[in-house]
Protein backbone atom coordinates (compact mmCIF):
# COMPACT_ATOMS: atom_id res chain seq x y z
CA UNK A 1 20.51 -125.48 48.79
CA UNK A 2 23.10 -122.69 48.47
CA UNK A 3 23.37 -119.56 50.60
CA UNK A 4 21.34 -117.40 48.20
CA UNK A 5 18.52 -119.93 48.18
CA UNK A 6 18.60 -120.04 51.98
CA UNK A 7 18.33 -116.26 52.13
CA UNK A 8 15.55 -116.29 49.54
CA UNK A 9 13.50 -118.73 51.58
CA UNK A 10 14.13 -116.74 54.76
CA UNK A 11 13.10 -113.55 52.96
CA UNK A 12 9.85 -115.14 51.81
CA UNK A 13 9.08 -116.28 55.35
CA UNK A 14 9.99 -112.89 56.85
CA UNK A 15 7.73 -111.12 54.36
CA UNK A 16 4.72 -112.77 55.99
CA UNK A 17 5.51 -110.64 59.03
CA UNK A 18 6.43 -107.40 57.26
CA UNK A 19 7.98 -106.06 54.09
CA UNK A 20 10.75 -104.40 56.06
CA UNK A 21 11.70 -107.75 57.57
CA UNK A 22 12.07 -109.45 54.19
CA UNK A 23 14.41 -106.71 53.00
CA UNK A 24 16.56 -106.91 56.12
CA UNK A 25 17.79 -110.44 55.44
CA UNK A 26 20.59 -109.07 53.25
CA UNK A 27 23.14 -106.29 53.59
CA UNK A 28 23.93 -103.73 50.93
CA UNK A 29 21.22 -102.67 48.48
CA UNK A 30 18.18 -104.91 48.31
CA UNK A 31 15.25 -105.14 45.89
CA UNK A 32 11.84 -106.34 47.06
CA UNK A 33 10.26 -108.26 44.17
CA UNK A 34 6.51 -108.00 43.85
CA UNK A 35 6.02 -111.56 42.63
CA UNK A 36 3.13 -112.98 40.62
CA UNK A 37 1.59 -115.71 42.78
CA UNK A 38 -1.73 -114.90 44.43
CA UNK A 39 -0.50 -116.22 47.75
CA UNK A 40 2.58 -113.96 47.70
CA UNK A 41 4.94 -116.93 47.96
CA UNK A 42 7.28 -115.52 45.30
CA UNK A 43 7.30 -111.99 46.74
CA UNK A 44 10.72 -111.80 48.34
CA UNK A 45 13.84 -109.67 48.53
CA UNK A 46 17.00 -110.15 46.48
CA UNK A 47 20.36 -108.47 46.95
CA UNK A 48 21.38 -106.12 44.14
CA UNK A 49 24.88 -105.36 45.42
CA UNK A 50 26.63 -106.07 48.70
CA UNK A 51 27.63 -103.54 51.35
CA UNK A 52 31.11 -103.04 49.88
CA UNK A 53 29.81 -101.84 46.49
CA UNK A 54 29.11 -98.22 47.51
CA UNK A 55 30.79 -97.75 50.86
CA UNK A 56 31.28 -93.98 50.41
CA UNK A 57 27.69 -93.35 51.44
CA UNK A 58 26.94 -92.25 55.01
CA UNK A 59 23.49 -92.61 56.54
CA UNK A 60 22.26 -90.27 59.28
CA UNK A 61 18.84 -90.86 60.80
CA UNK A 62 17.06 -87.88 62.32
CA UNK A 63 14.69 -89.29 64.94
CA UNK A 64 11.86 -86.79 65.04
CA UNK A 65 9.60 -88.85 67.29
CA UNK A 66 9.87 -92.20 69.04
CA UNK A 67 6.17 -92.27 69.95
CA UNK A 68 3.89 -94.99 68.65
CA UNK A 69 2.26 -94.04 65.36
CA UNK A 70 -1.46 -93.21 65.29
CA UNK A 71 -1.79 -95.36 62.16
CA UNK A 72 0.19 -98.59 61.95
CA UNK A 73 1.97 -99.49 58.73
CA UNK A 74 -0.20 -102.58 58.24
CA UNK A 75 -3.59 -100.90 58.72
CA UNK A 76 -2.44 -97.82 56.81
CA UNK A 77 -1.43 -99.85 53.77
CA UNK A 78 -4.69 -101.79 53.87
CA UNK A 79 -6.70 -98.56 53.85
CA UNK A 80 -4.53 -97.12 51.09
CA UNK A 81 -4.98 -100.16 48.85
CA UNK A 82 -8.75 -99.95 49.34
CA UNK A 83 -9.23 -96.21 48.84
CA UNK A 84 -6.34 -94.50 46.98
CA UNK A 85 -6.58 -94.15 43.18
CA UNK A 86 -3.10 -92.63 43.25
CA UNK A 87 -1.66 -95.87 44.65
CA UNK A 88 -2.95 -97.81 41.65
CA UNK A 89 -1.32 -95.34 39.26
CA UNK A 90 1.90 -95.44 41.28
CA UNK A 91 2.06 -99.25 41.34
CA UNK A 92 1.17 -99.78 37.69
CA UNK A 93 2.82 -96.82 35.98
CA UNK A 94 5.47 -95.13 38.13
CA UNK A 95 7.21 -97.79 40.20
CA UNK A 96 8.27 -100.27 37.45
CA UNK A 97 10.19 -97.65 35.48
CA UNK A 98 11.55 -95.97 38.59
CA UNK A 99 12.88 -99.28 39.90
CA UNK A 100 14.89 -99.83 36.72
CA UNK A 101 16.38 -96.34 36.96
CA UNK A 102 17.22 -96.85 40.63
CA UNK A 103 18.94 -100.18 39.96
CA UNK A 104 21.05 -98.54 37.26
CA UNK A 105 21.96 -95.61 39.54
CA UNK A 106 23.04 -97.97 42.31
CA UNK A 107 25.11 -100.19 40.07
CA UNK A 108 26.85 -97.14 38.53
CA UNK A 109 27.12 -95.37 41.90
CA UNK A 110 25.44 -92.37 40.30
CA UNK A 111 24.60 -90.31 43.38
CA UNK A 112 22.80 -87.52 41.53
CA UNK A 113 20.27 -89.91 39.98
CA UNK A 114 20.07 -91.97 43.17
CA UNK A 115 19.30 -88.90 45.31
CA UNK A 116 16.69 -87.46 42.98
CA UNK A 117 14.88 -90.79 42.66
CA UNK A 118 15.01 -91.39 46.42
CA UNK A 119 13.53 -88.00 47.29
CA UNK A 120 10.75 -87.98 44.69
CA UNK A 121 9.72 -91.52 45.56
CA UNK A 122 9.53 -90.70 49.26
CA UNK A 123 7.43 -87.63 48.49
CA UNK A 124 5.07 -89.61 46.26
CA UNK A 125 4.66 -92.31 48.90
CA UNK A 126 3.45 -89.69 51.35
CA UNK A 127 1.23 -88.16 48.68
CA UNK A 128 -0.41 -91.57 48.43
CA UNK A 129 -0.90 -91.53 52.21
CA UNK A 130 -2.71 -88.20 51.88
CA UNK A 131 -4.77 -89.66 49.02
CA UNK A 132 -6.04 -92.37 51.38
CA UNK A 133 -9.48 -92.04 52.96
CA UNK A 134 -9.28 -90.98 55.71
CA UNK A 135 -5.91 -89.34 54.97
CA UNK A 136 -2.82 -90.60 56.80
CA UNK A 137 -0.37 -88.07 58.21
CA UNK A 138 2.91 -89.85 58.96
CA UNK A 139 5.18 -86.81 58.72
CA UNK A 140 4.97 -83.76 60.97
CA UNK A 141 6.20 -80.15 60.85
CA UNK A 142 9.74 -81.16 61.86
CA UNK A 143 9.82 -83.75 59.06
CA UNK A 144 8.84 -81.04 56.58
CA UNK A 145 11.54 -78.71 57.90
CA UNK A 146 14.17 -81.39 57.33
CA UNK A 147 12.98 -81.80 53.74
CA UNK A 148 13.16 -78.03 53.26
CA UNK A 149 16.69 -77.92 54.69
CA UNK A 150 17.93 -80.62 52.31
CA UNK A 151 16.11 -79.28 49.26
CA UNK A 152 17.48 -75.75 49.78
CA UNK A 153 21.00 -77.06 50.29
CA UNK A 154 20.87 -79.31 47.23
CA UNK A 155 19.49 -76.45 45.14
CA UNK A 156 22.19 -74.04 46.32
CA UNK A 157 24.90 -76.52 45.30
CA UNK A 158 23.36 -77.19 41.90
CA UNK A 159 23.56 -80.95 42.43
CA UNK A 160 22.25 -83.23 45.20
CA UNK A 161 24.47 -83.52 48.25
CA UNK A 162 22.02 -85.48 50.41
CA UNK A 163 19.01 -87.71 49.74
CA UNK A 164 16.11 -88.00 52.15
CA UNK A 165 13.49 -90.68 52.55
CA UNK A 166 10.71 -91.23 55.06
CA UNK A 167 8.92 -94.51 55.56
CA UNK A 168 5.56 -94.81 57.37
CA UNK A 169 6.59 -92.38 60.09
CA UNK A 170 8.09 -88.93 60.77
CA UNK A 171 11.77 -89.90 61.05
CA UNK A 172 14.16 -88.89 58.27
CA UNK A 173 16.73 -91.21 56.74
CA UNK A 174 19.36 -88.91 55.27
CA UNK A 175 21.94 -90.34 52.86
CA UNK A 176 25.07 -88.27 52.25
CA UNK A 177 27.27 -88.88 49.23
CA UNK A 178 30.42 -89.18 51.36
CA UNK A 179 31.88 -88.58 54.82
CA UNK A 180 32.74 -84.95 54.11
CA UNK A 181 29.16 -84.19 53.07
CA UNK A 182 27.81 -86.08 56.09
CA UNK A 183 29.91 -83.81 58.30
CA UNK A 184 28.40 -80.71 56.69
CA UNK A 185 24.94 -82.24 57.08
CA UNK A 186 25.54 -82.86 60.78
CA UNK A 187 26.62 -79.23 61.24
CA UNK A 188 23.35 -78.08 59.69
CA UNK A 189 21.28 -80.45 61.83
CA UNK A 190 23.07 -79.27 64.97
CA UNK A 191 22.24 -75.66 64.14
CA UNK A 192 18.65 -76.11 62.97
CA UNK A 193 17.74 -78.74 65.57
CA UNK A 194 20.10 -78.10 68.52
CA UNK A 195 20.51 -80.46 71.48
CA UNK A 196 18.04 -79.87 74.29
CA UNK A 197 19.47 -78.71 77.61
CA UNK A 198 23.02 -78.80 76.20
CA UNK A 199 22.94 -82.63 76.20
CA UNK A 200 25.11 -83.65 73.26
CA UNK A 201 25.56 -87.25 74.48
CA UNK A 202 21.88 -88.18 74.14
CA UNK A 203 21.47 -86.05 71.02
CA UNK A 204 23.60 -88.37 68.94
CA UNK A 205 23.96 -92.13 69.16
CA UNK A 206 26.01 -94.52 67.04
CA UNK A 207 29.28 -93.49 65.41
CA UNK A 208 30.12 -90.27 67.24
CA UNK A 209 33.50 -89.87 65.55
CA UNK A 210 31.79 -87.70 62.96
CA UNK A 211 31.34 -85.07 65.68
CA UNK A 212 35.12 -84.63 65.72
CA UNK A 213 35.09 -84.23 61.94
CA UNK A 214 32.53 -81.46 62.42
CA UNK A 215 34.73 -79.81 65.06
CA UNK A 216 32.15 -80.37 67.79
CA UNK A 217 33.20 -81.59 71.22
CA UNK A 218 30.45 -79.81 73.14
CA UNK A 219 27.35 -77.71 72.50
CA UNK A 220 29.54 -74.61 72.71
CA UNK A 221 31.28 -75.69 69.49
CA UNK A 222 28.12 -75.60 67.36
CA UNK A 223 28.45 -73.11 64.52
CA UNK A 224 26.04 -70.23 65.29
CA UNK A 225 25.13 -69.75 61.64
CA UNK A 226 26.04 -72.34 58.98
CA UNK A 227 25.54 -71.25 55.35
CA UNK A 228 21.97 -71.07 54.05
CA UNK A 229 20.37 -72.55 57.15
CA UNK A 230 19.47 -69.60 59.39
CA UNK A 231 15.88 -69.84 60.60
CA UNK A 232 14.61 -67.69 63.44
CA UNK A 233 11.58 -69.87 64.17
CA UNK A 234 11.44 -72.05 67.28
CA UNK A 235 13.85 -74.92 66.80
CA UNK A 236 12.27 -78.38 67.31
CA UNK A 237 13.92 -81.41 68.82
CA UNK A 238 15.44 -84.41 67.06
CA UNK A 239 17.89 -87.17 67.89
CA UNK A 240 20.65 -88.09 65.45
CA UNK A 241 21.77 -91.64 64.72
CA UNK A 242 24.80 -92.27 62.56
């Protein structure tokens, strides 16, 4: 058995625990295949491209809440399958064609197509959650504000700069087209969602070198008014992971 077969078997086993686990066997971009067998034995993840294929991308995660979800992913999906007509339409009509477009965008490193597909698919997933009975509310007001921030920025530039996606929870996964764009994104996050009690160390975890790129060594360095982001409402709390 070669390495790919080993990974395929591991992915199939991991899928019995969760879909996220089966996709995490590989690095890079991964496709989760639906499979055809009734027992799900051929539903596994395969690697589309490795992590070196599109290494310009920078991922920033805005942690809106670390609290346990009211609705777990497993029970939420079960309820959605049983009650949402929109899910059936999504699975049968939307996803197959969208997957082909996404694969092409990834292989060509077409960020504009990649970003648009990522955002609309995330939004439709959460529309399906709302279409469930009773409805499931994974995102919160802060999640919606992050979407608004990205959408307004992308619109002002005329082409996507950042993609957003939310899984079964309120936290935003933000994908910038390159390091320079990620720096601009961080500046906007710092302004719109500033560190609480001037604590920059706990505000951001992971690769903090991007703070230097943004010209931020302390809370005092945060730009008081980045372009197209001013909002006088109360500013909620997030944590940034890069």
